[in-house]
Protein backbone atom coordinates (compact mmCIF):
# COMPACT_ATOMS: atom_id res chain seq x y z
CA HIS A 1 -94.37 27.07 36.49
CA ALA A 2 -90.61 26.79 35.89
CA LYS A 3 -91.09 23.63 33.78
CA ARG A 4 -93.94 25.25 31.88
CA ASN A 5 -91.83 28.37 31.22
CA MET A 6 -88.97 26.13 30.08
CA ARG A 7 -91.27 24.32 27.67
CA ILE A 8 -92.54 27.62 26.31
CA LYS A 9 -88.98 28.89 25.90
CA THR A 10 -87.99 25.64 24.21
CA LYS A 11 -90.91 25.92 21.79
CA LEU A 12 -90.08 29.55 21.05
CA VAL A 13 -86.44 28.74 20.44
CA GLY A 14 -87.49 25.84 18.20
CA LEU A 15 -89.91 28.00 16.25
CA PHE A 16 -87.29 30.72 15.95
CA ALA A 17 -84.74 28.18 14.67
CA LEU A 18 -87.24 26.77 12.19
CA SER A 19 -88.06 30.24 10.94
CA ILE A 20 -84.35 30.95 10.44
CA ILE A 21 -83.89 27.65 8.58
CA GLY A 22 -86.96 28.43 6.50
CA CYS A 23 -85.61 31.88 5.61
CA VAL A 24 -82.20 30.46 4.72
CA MET A 25 -83.74 27.73 2.57
CA GLY A 26 -86.03 30.24 0.92
CA THR A 27 -83.11 32.55 0.19
CA LEU A 28 -81.08 29.61 -1.11
CA LEU A 29 -83.87 28.43 -3.40
CA PHE A 30 -84.36 31.99 -4.64
CA ALA A 31 -80.63 32.31 -5.32
CA VAL A 32 -80.56 28.95 -7.13
CA THR A 33 -83.56 30.01 -9.21
CA ILE A 34 -81.86 33.30 -10.13
CA PHE A 35 -78.64 31.43 -10.95
CA ASN A 36 -80.48 28.93 -13.13
CA ARG A 37 -82.26 31.71 -15.00
CA GLU A 38 -78.98 33.54 -15.58
CA LEU A 39 -77.32 30.29 -16.67
CA VAL A 40 -80.12 29.57 -19.14
CA ALA A 41 -79.96 33.15 -20.41
CA ASP A 42 -76.17 32.97 -20.82
CA THR A 43 -76.44 29.60 -22.59
CA GLU A 44 -79.13 30.86 -24.95
CA ALA A 45 -77.09 33.99 -25.67
CA GLY A 46 -74.04 31.84 -26.37
CA ILE A 47 -75.96 29.59 -28.76
CA ASP A 48 -77.46 32.62 -30.51
CA GLY A 49 -73.95 34.06 -30.87
CA LEU A 50 -72.62 30.83 -32.35
CA ALA A 51 -75.55 30.59 -34.76
CA ALA A 52 -74.97 34.19 -35.84
CA SER A 53 -71.27 33.44 -36.46
CA VAL A 54 -72.08 30.38 -38.57
CA GLN A 55 -74.71 32.35 -40.48
CA GLU A 56 -72.12 35.05 -41.16
CA THR A 57 -69.75 32.41 -42.54
CA LEU A 58 -72.47 31.08 -44.84
CA SER A 59 -73.28 34.62 -45.97
CA ASP A 60 -69.61 35.18 -46.80
CA TRP A 61 -69.57 31.97 -48.84
CA ARG A 62 -72.71 32.96 -50.72
CA ASP A 63 -71.28 36.41 -51.45
CA GLU A 64 -68.05 34.79 -52.63
CA ALA A 65 -69.93 32.43 -54.95
CA ASP A 66 -72.05 35.29 -56.31
CA GLU A 67 -69.01 37.46 -56.91
CA VAL A 68 -66.96 34.71 -58.58
CA ALA A 69 -69.83 33.64 -60.84
CA SER A 70 -70.53 37.26 -61.82
CA LEU A 71 -66.87 37.88 -62.68
CA VAL A 72 -66.40 34.65 -64.62
CA VAL A 73 -69.32 35.27 -66.99
CA MET A 74 -67.83 38.64 -67.93
CA ASP A 75 -65.07 36.78 -69.80
CA GLU A 76 -66.10 36.90 -73.47
CA GLY A 77 -63.53 34.23 -74.25
CA LEU A 78 -65.36 31.80 -71.97
CA ALA A 79 -68.64 32.37 -73.82
CA ALA A 80 -66.85 31.92 -77.15
CA ALA A 81 -65.30 28.67 -75.92
CA LEU A 82 -68.72 27.40 -74.88
CA GLU A 83 -70.21 28.36 -78.22
CA SER A 84 -67.42 26.59 -80.15
CA GLY A 85 -67.41 23.54 -77.88
CA ASP A 86 -63.84 24.14 -76.67
CA ARG A 87 -64.02 21.95 -73.57
CA SER A 88 -60.30 22.19 -72.89
CA THR A 89 -60.47 25.95 -72.40
CA LEU A 90 -63.65 25.67 -70.32
CA ALA A 91 -62.08 23.01 -68.07
CA SER A 92 -58.93 25.11 -67.63
CA VAL A 93 -60.93 28.15 -66.54
CA ALA A 94 -63.00 26.07 -64.11
CA LYS A 95 -59.84 24.54 -62.61
CA ALA A 96 -58.22 27.96 -62.22
CA VAL A 97 -61.30 29.41 -60.52
CA VAL A 98 -61.52 26.60 -57.96
CA SER A 99 -57.78 26.71 -57.23
CA GLN A 100 -57.63 30.49 -56.85
CA THR A 101 -60.83 31.10 -54.85
CA THR A 102 -62.58 29.48 -51.90
CA ALA A 103 -65.20 27.94 -54.20
CA GLU A 104 -65.25 24.14 -54.14
CA PHE A 105 -66.67 23.55 -57.60
CA MET A 106 -67.48 25.28 -60.86
CA ALA A 107 -69.40 24.12 -63.90
CA VAL A 108 -69.95 25.62 -67.33
CA ILE A 109 -73.43 24.54 -68.37
CA GLY A 110 -74.97 24.42 -71.81
CA PRO A 111 -78.46 25.64 -72.77
CA ASN A 112 -79.81 22.12 -72.20
CA GLY A 113 -78.80 22.23 -68.53
CA LYS A 114 -75.95 19.74 -68.87
CA VAL A 115 -72.36 20.35 -67.76
CA VAL A 116 -70.04 20.93 -70.73
CA ALA A 117 -66.91 21.17 -68.56
CA GLY A 118 -66.14 21.79 -64.94
CA GLU A 119 -64.03 21.31 -61.85
CA GLY A 120 -65.57 19.18 -59.13
CA ILE A 121 -68.49 18.29 -61.41
CA ALA A 122 -68.07 15.88 -64.32
CA ALA A 123 -68.93 16.83 -67.89
CA GLY A 124 -72.31 15.46 -68.92
CA THR A 125 -73.87 15.86 -65.46
CA ASP A 126 -77.53 16.82 -65.91
CA LEU A 127 -78.36 19.91 -63.85
CA SER A 128 -81.50 20.86 -65.75
CA SER A 129 -83.68 20.31 -62.67
CA SER A 130 -81.73 22.84 -60.61
CA ILE A 131 -83.75 25.99 -59.88
CA SER A 132 -80.63 28.16 -60.00
CA VAL A 133 -79.63 26.75 -63.39
CA GLN A 134 -83.15 27.16 -64.75
CA ALA A 135 -83.21 30.77 -63.55
CA ALA A 136 -79.75 31.56 -64.98
CA LEU A 137 -80.68 30.17 -68.40
CA LYS A 138 -83.51 32.72 -68.38
CA GLY A 139 -81.18 35.53 -67.36
CA ASN A 140 -82.07 35.55 -63.67
CA ALA A 141 -80.03 34.89 -60.53
CA VAL A 142 -81.52 32.66 -57.83
CA PRO A 143 -79.31 31.26 -55.02
CA GLU A 144 -79.83 27.59 -54.25
CA PHE A 145 -79.35 25.41 -51.17
CA ASP A 146 -80.18 21.89 -52.28
CA GLY A 147 -78.87 18.80 -54.02
CA PHE A 148 -76.74 19.75 -57.00
CA GLY A 149 -75.31 17.15 -59.35
CA PRO A 150 -73.03 14.85 -57.34
CA PHE A 151 -73.59 16.88 -54.17
CA ASP A 152 -76.31 15.82 -51.79
CA PHE A 153 -76.48 19.35 -50.39
CA ALA A 154 -74.75 22.40 -51.85
CA MET A 155 -74.78 26.19 -51.86
CA VAL A 156 -74.88 27.33 -55.48
CA SER A 157 -74.75 30.60 -57.41
CA CYS A 158 -75.46 30.61 -61.16
CA ARG A 159 -75.11 33.36 -63.72
CA ALA A 160 -76.06 33.50 -67.40
CA LEU A 161 -73.22 33.26 -69.91
CA ARG A 162 -73.95 35.45 -72.93
CA TYR A 163 -72.48 35.24 -76.40
CA GLN A 164 -73.18 38.06 -78.86
CA GLY A 165 -76.14 39.26 -76.81
CA ARG A 166 -77.90 35.94 -76.33
CA ILE A 167 -77.73 33.42 -73.50
CA ALA A 168 -75.43 30.57 -74.56
CA GLY A 169 -75.45 28.80 -71.21
CA CYS A 170 -74.53 29.56 -67.62
CA VAL A 171 -71.85 29.18 -64.98
CA ALA A 172 -72.41 27.59 -61.58
CA VAL A 173 -70.09 28.18 -58.63
CA GLY A 174 -70.57 26.84 -55.15
CA PHE A 175 -69.74 24.93 -52.01
CA ASP A 176 -70.37 21.33 -51.01
CA MET A 177 -72.23 21.48 -47.69
CA THR A 178 -71.65 17.76 -47.07
CA ALA A 179 -67.85 17.97 -47.20
CA GLY A 180 -67.63 18.66 -43.48
CA TYR A 181 -65.63 21.88 -43.82
CA LEU A 182 -68.25 24.07 -42.09
CA PRO A 183 -68.46 21.83 -38.98
CA GLN A 184 -64.66 21.61 -38.85
CA ILE A 185 -64.01 25.36 -38.94
CA THR A 186 -66.87 25.96 -36.48
CA LYS A 187 -65.33 23.53 -34.01
CA LYS A 188 -61.85 24.95 -34.53
CA ASN A 189 -62.67 28.66 -34.47
CA LEU A 190 -65.72 28.76 -32.19
CA LYS A 191 -64.89 25.78 -29.96
CA SER A 192 -68.32 24.30 -30.55
CA GLU A 193 -69.74 21.19 -32.20
CA CYS A 194 -71.67 21.76 -35.43
CA THR A 195 -74.02 19.64 -37.53
CA VAL A 196 -75.41 20.51 -40.96
CA PHE A 197 -78.95 19.27 -41.64
CA LYS A 198 -80.78 18.85 -44.91
CA GLY A 199 -84.32 18.80 -43.65
CA ASP A 200 -84.14 16.50 -40.62
CA ARG A 201 -81.20 14.48 -41.98
CA ARG A 202 -77.61 15.02 -40.87
CA VAL A 203 -75.34 15.54 -43.88
CA ALA A 204 -72.18 16.71 -42.11
CA THR A 205 -71.07 16.94 -38.49
CA SER A 206 -68.09 17.54 -36.23
CA LEU A 207 -69.40 14.75 -33.99
CA ASP A 208 -69.20 11.00 -34.61
CA GLN A 209 -69.23 10.50 -38.40
CA SER A 210 -71.54 7.52 -37.99
CA LEU A 211 -74.28 10.11 -37.37
CA VAL A 212 -74.08 11.34 -40.98
CA GLY A 213 -77.16 10.13 -42.81
CA SER A 214 -79.21 9.69 -39.64
CA THR A 215 -82.25 11.83 -38.87
CA ILE A 216 -82.99 13.99 -35.86
CA LYS A 217 -85.91 11.67 -35.08
CA ASN A 218 -83.37 8.98 -34.13
CA GLN A 219 -82.76 10.80 -30.83
CA GLU A 220 -79.03 10.20 -31.21
């Protein structure tokens, strides 16, 4: 009987120990699961916050481009210079605008959609296929995020330039999204890597520059 009782006690102690281990493991797995969920939630919130900050920067740039373009076309002297073909005056204004604002380029465009003079965009550049230029030459304002002249990907704001009540051309102001400035300031200010895509193609990044031009399908 003593041996039998000992065996029973041993089994009970073993079962009790196993139940304790099982409870501890269950608690541990539950804690790990909770931790993982919180980690994922924190990571997602952090990414959302970064995306919102970058979006705010882009919104500021768009507002800046809209404001600059709207102010520039109010200059009657600029419209007169376009009408008379005074490229020197047009080029001087474009240079001053780019040097005194955050805009990276400006172009004064004729009614045929070609650049008459500009800063960052050469005279003679054909922009007639641009939706923002087409809209501006009809008196409308349509923001554009696409290829623009020498820029593979740009943010552009165009406004109609009127001379004596009629549209003589338009002014385009914008930012080159392939220059790498956005990824650089994102990395510096937000301590995060940033890549700008045009479709599925990388056009600027704070990572290895060899990635520029590659597509997201490359799994790089």
